[in-house]
Amino acid sequence: MANPRYSLAALLASSTLVLGACGVLPYGTQSPAPVVSSRAGAEAQGVGAGDTANINDKANDVVLFALGLIETGYRFGGKNPEAGLDCSGMVSYVYQKSADMRLAGSAADLARQGKPVPPDRLRPGDLVFFNTRNKAYSHVGIYIGDDRFVHAPNSRGKVRTESLRNGWFAARFEEGRTYFD
């Protein structure tokens, strides 16, 4: 059986190569905030000492795995990358594969399973919820830091990153929820 850490390292390396080959992110996007897994790593990357108490290895794995799915096709009801993913299917898939956590159901179902987090306290790996169809909790994404999230948008798009501060999703943000203690 393969070591899961080596598999994650391979995923990160391949994601870096794919993203690096493009050379640029889509217009208006920024690189995600650094994901660190130790106090020494946090200090080396300029993360404040107060922030390091909230760093969680499983949450980091969730972010890295989600970033590895960028450009995966969308499919309504999709629950795996081979067939395509919808927003809740992507979240369920990522949490199961990277953190061995079972989160299932619609975006609204996922919201009921987490603990509310104020926007200024979001951490990488938390989920962010939106009202996109005049219905509470109708869309979900994975927060990656720097006011950005990964999500499977709709049938006209692929898994990608978006801003919580600007654009269409900023006006529809409802709340964040955490699944890590």
Protein backbone atom coordinates (compact mmCIF):
# COMPACT_ATOMS: atom_id res chain seq x y z
CA MET A 1 0.00 0.00 0.00
CA ALA A 2 1.40 3.42 -0.94
CA ASN A 3 2.24 5.92 1.77
CA PRO A 4 -0.48 8.66 1.71
CA ARG A 5 2.13 11.37 2.34
CA TYR A 6 4.02 10.30 -0.79
CA SER A 7 0.76 10.38 -2.74
CA LEU A 8 0.04 13.89 -1.47
CA ALA A 9 3.59 14.95 -2.35
CA ALA A 10 3.12 13.55 -5.87
CA LEU A 11 -0.20 15.40 -6.19
CA LEU A 12 1.42 18.66 -5.06
CA ALA A 13 4.36 18.21 -7.42
CA SER A 14 2.11 17.46 -10.40
CA SER A 15 -0.20 20.36 -9.53
CA THR A 16 2.79 22.68 -9.35
CA LEU A 17 3.97 21.52 -12.76
CA VAL A 18 0.54 21.94 -14.35
CA LEU A 19 -0.06 25.36 -12.81
CA GLY A 20 3.51 26.45 -13.53
CA ALA A 21 3.22 25.44 -17.17
CA CYS A 22 0.45 27.99 -17.66
CA GLY A 23 2.65 30.76 -16.34
CA VAL A 24 -0.21 32.96 -15.16
CA LEU A 25 -3.44 32.70 -13.25
CA PRO A 26 -6.70 33.81 -14.86
CA TYR A 27 -7.26 37.56 -14.98
CA GLY A 28 -8.06 39.05 -11.61
CA THR A 29 -6.80 36.12 -9.53
CA GLN A 30 -4.01 36.04 -7.03
CA SER A 31 -1.91 33.19 -5.73
CA PRO A 32 -3.38 31.49 -2.68
CA ALA A 33 -1.88 32.24 0.71
CA PRO A 34 0.92 29.92 1.76
CA VAL A 35 -0.17 26.76 3.48
CA VAL A 36 2.15 25.78 6.31
CA SER A 37 2.14 22.87 8.69
CA SER A 38 4.50 23.88 11.50
CA ARG A 39 5.46 26.85 13.66
CA ALA A 40 8.91 27.00 12.00
CA GLY A 41 7.32 26.93 8.54
CA ALA A 42 4.86 29.63 9.58
CA GLU A 43 7.58 31.90 10.91
CA ALA A 44 9.68 31.37 7.77
CA GLN A 45 6.70 32.43 5.64
CA GLY A 46 5.82 35.43 7.80
CA VAL A 47 2.68 34.04 9.41
CA GLY A 48 2.15 35.59 12.84
CA ALA A 49 2.59 33.54 15.99
CA GLY A 50 -1.11 33.88 16.82
CA ASP A 51 -2.01 32.33 13.44
CA THR A 52 0.12 29.23 13.98
CA ALA A 53 -2.13 27.96 16.78
CA ASN A 54 -4.85 27.45 14.15
CA ILE A 55 -2.76 25.62 11.57
CA ASN A 56 -3.97 22.06 11.08
CA ASP A 57 -2.33 19.36 8.97
CA LYS A 58 -5.66 17.94 7.75
CA ALA A 59 -6.83 21.40 6.73
CA ASN A 60 -3.59 21.92 4.78
CA ASP A 61 -4.13 18.58 3.05
CA VAL A 62 -7.67 19.67 2.11
CA VAL A 63 -6.33 22.86 0.50
CA LEU A 64 -3.57 21.08 -1.42
CA PHE A 65 -5.95 18.41 -2.67
CA ALA A 66 -8.55 21.01 -3.73
CA LEU A 67 -5.93 22.97 -5.65
CA GLY A 68 -4.98 19.76 -7.44
CA LEU A 69 -8.52 19.59 -8.86
CA ILE A 70 -8.34 22.95 -10.64
CA GLU A 71 -9.56 22.62 -14.26
CA THR A 72 -11.60 19.49 -13.46
CA GLY A 73 -14.86 19.56 -15.41
CA TYR A 74 -18.24 20.33 -13.88
CA ARG A 75 -21.11 17.87 -13.75
CA PHE A 76 -24.35 18.38 -11.84
CA GLY A 77 -24.44 15.72 -9.12
CA GLY A 78 -20.82 14.81 -9.91
CA LYS A 79 -18.90 13.24 -7.06
CA ASN A 80 -15.56 12.28 -8.63
CA PRO A 81 -13.10 14.02 -10.94
CA GLU A 82 -13.32 11.39 -13.69
CA ALA A 83 -17.04 12.05 -14.25
CA GLY A 84 -16.98 15.71 -13.21
CA LEU A 85 -17.77 17.49 -9.96
CA ASP A 86 -20.43 19.83 -8.69
CA CYS A 87 -19.76 22.10 -5.70
CA SER A 88 -20.88 19.79 -2.91
CA GLY A 89 -19.50 16.72 -4.69
CA MET A 90 -16.09 18.40 -4.91
CA VAL A 91 -16.14 19.26 -1.19
CA SER A 92 -17.21 15.74 -0.21
CA TYR A 93 -14.57 14.18 -2.46
CA VAL A 94 -11.77 16.43 -1.21
CA TYR A 95 -12.56 15.96 2.48
CA GLN A 96 -12.88 12.17 2.10
CA LYS A 97 -9.69 11.69 0.09
CA SER A 98 -7.44 14.20 1.85
CA ALA A 99 -8.67 14.27 5.46
CA ASP A 100 -10.59 10.98 5.76
CA MET A 101 -13.67 12.96 6.81
CA ARG A 102 -17.15 12.09 5.55
CA LEU A 103 -19.12 15.19 4.55
CA ALA A 104 -22.08 14.37 2.35
CA GLY A 105 -25.18 15.95 0.89
CA SER A 106 -26.05 19.26 -0.71
CA ALA A 107 -24.37 22.56 0.12
CA ALA A 108 -27.14 23.22 2.67
CA ASP A 109 -26.56 19.78 4.23
CA LEU A 110 -22.83 20.50 4.49
CA ALA A 111 -23.53 23.84 6.18
CA ARG A 112 -25.52 22.12 8.92
CA GLN A 113 -22.54 19.86 9.68
CA GLY A 114 -20.02 22.61 10.48
CA LYS A 115 -19.45 25.29 13.09
CA PRO A 116 -19.96 28.93 12.01
CA VAL A 117 -16.83 31.03 11.50
CA PRO A 118 -16.85 34.83 11.08
CA PRO A 119 -15.33 35.94 7.74
CA ASP A 120 -12.30 37.51 9.43
CA ARG A 121 -11.53 34.19 11.20
CA LEU A 122 -11.66 31.89 8.16
CA ARG A 123 -8.75 29.46 7.91
CA PRO A 124 -7.58 27.43 4.93
CA GLY A 125 -9.68 24.28 4.71
CA ASP A 126 -12.87 25.90 6.06
CA LEU A 127 -15.93 25.91 3.81
CA VAL A 128 -17.54 29.06 2.45
CA PHE A 129 -21.22 29.20 1.55
CA PHE A 130 -23.15 31.38 -0.88
CA ASN A 131 -26.71 32.24 -1.84
CA THR A 132 -26.50 31.84 -5.61
CA ARG A 133 -30.09 30.94 -6.52
CA ASN A 134 -32.06 33.08 -4.08
CA LYS A 135 -31.81 30.10 -1.76
CA ALA A 136 -29.69 29.98 1.38
CA TYR A 137 -26.61 27.77 1.19
CA SER A 138 -27.05 26.94 -2.48
CA HIS A 139 -23.29 26.91 -3.26
CA VAL A 140 -20.14 25.89 -1.39
CA GLY A 141 -16.38 26.20 -1.85
CA ILE A 142 -13.18 25.49 0.07
CA TYR A 143 -11.38 28.50 1.55
CA ILE A 144 -7.67 28.51 0.63
CA GLY A 145 -6.52 31.75 2.28
CA ASP A 146 -5.95 35.32 1.10
CA ASP A 147 -9.74 35.80 0.71
CA ARG A 148 -9.85 33.13 -2.02
CA PHE A 149 -11.70 29.84 -2.42
CA VAL A 150 -11.76 26.82 -4.74
CA HIS A 151 -15.11 25.66 -6.13
CA ALA A 152 -16.90 23.89 -8.96
CA PRO A 153 -18.96 26.81 -10.34
CA ASN A 154 -21.53 25.53 -12.86
CA SER A 155 -22.02 23.74 -16.15
CA ARG A 156 -20.20 26.55 -18.00
CA GLY A 157 -17.03 26.22 -15.93
CA LYS A 158 -14.40 24.04 -14.38
CA VAL A 159 -13.02 23.87 -10.85
CA ARG A 160 -11.26 27.18 -10.23
CA THR A 161 -10.43 29.83 -7.63
CA GLU A 162 -12.45 32.97 -6.94
CA SER A 163 -12.27 35.98 -4.64
CA LEU A 164 -14.48 36.47 -1.60
CA ARG A 165 -13.87 40.24 -1.79
CA ASN A 166 -14.67 41.09 -5.39
CA GLY A 167 -17.09 40.05 -8.06
CA TRP A 168 -20.24 38.04 -8.26
CA PHE A 169 -19.53 35.70 -5.34
CA ALA A 170 -18.56 38.53 -2.96
CA ALA A 171 -22.12 39.87 -3.07
CA ARG A 172 -23.57 36.41 -2.42
CA PHE A 173 -21.33 35.25 0.45
CA GLU A 174 -23.37 33.92 3.40
CA GLU A 175 -20.90 32.50 5.90
CA GLY A 176 -17.98 30.25 6.60
CA ARG A 177 -18.05 26.99 8.52
CA THR A 178 -15.22 24.94 9.99
CA TYR A 179 -14.96 21.18 10.32
CA PHE A 180 -11.64 21.20 12.21
CA ASP A 181 -11.11 21.84 15.91
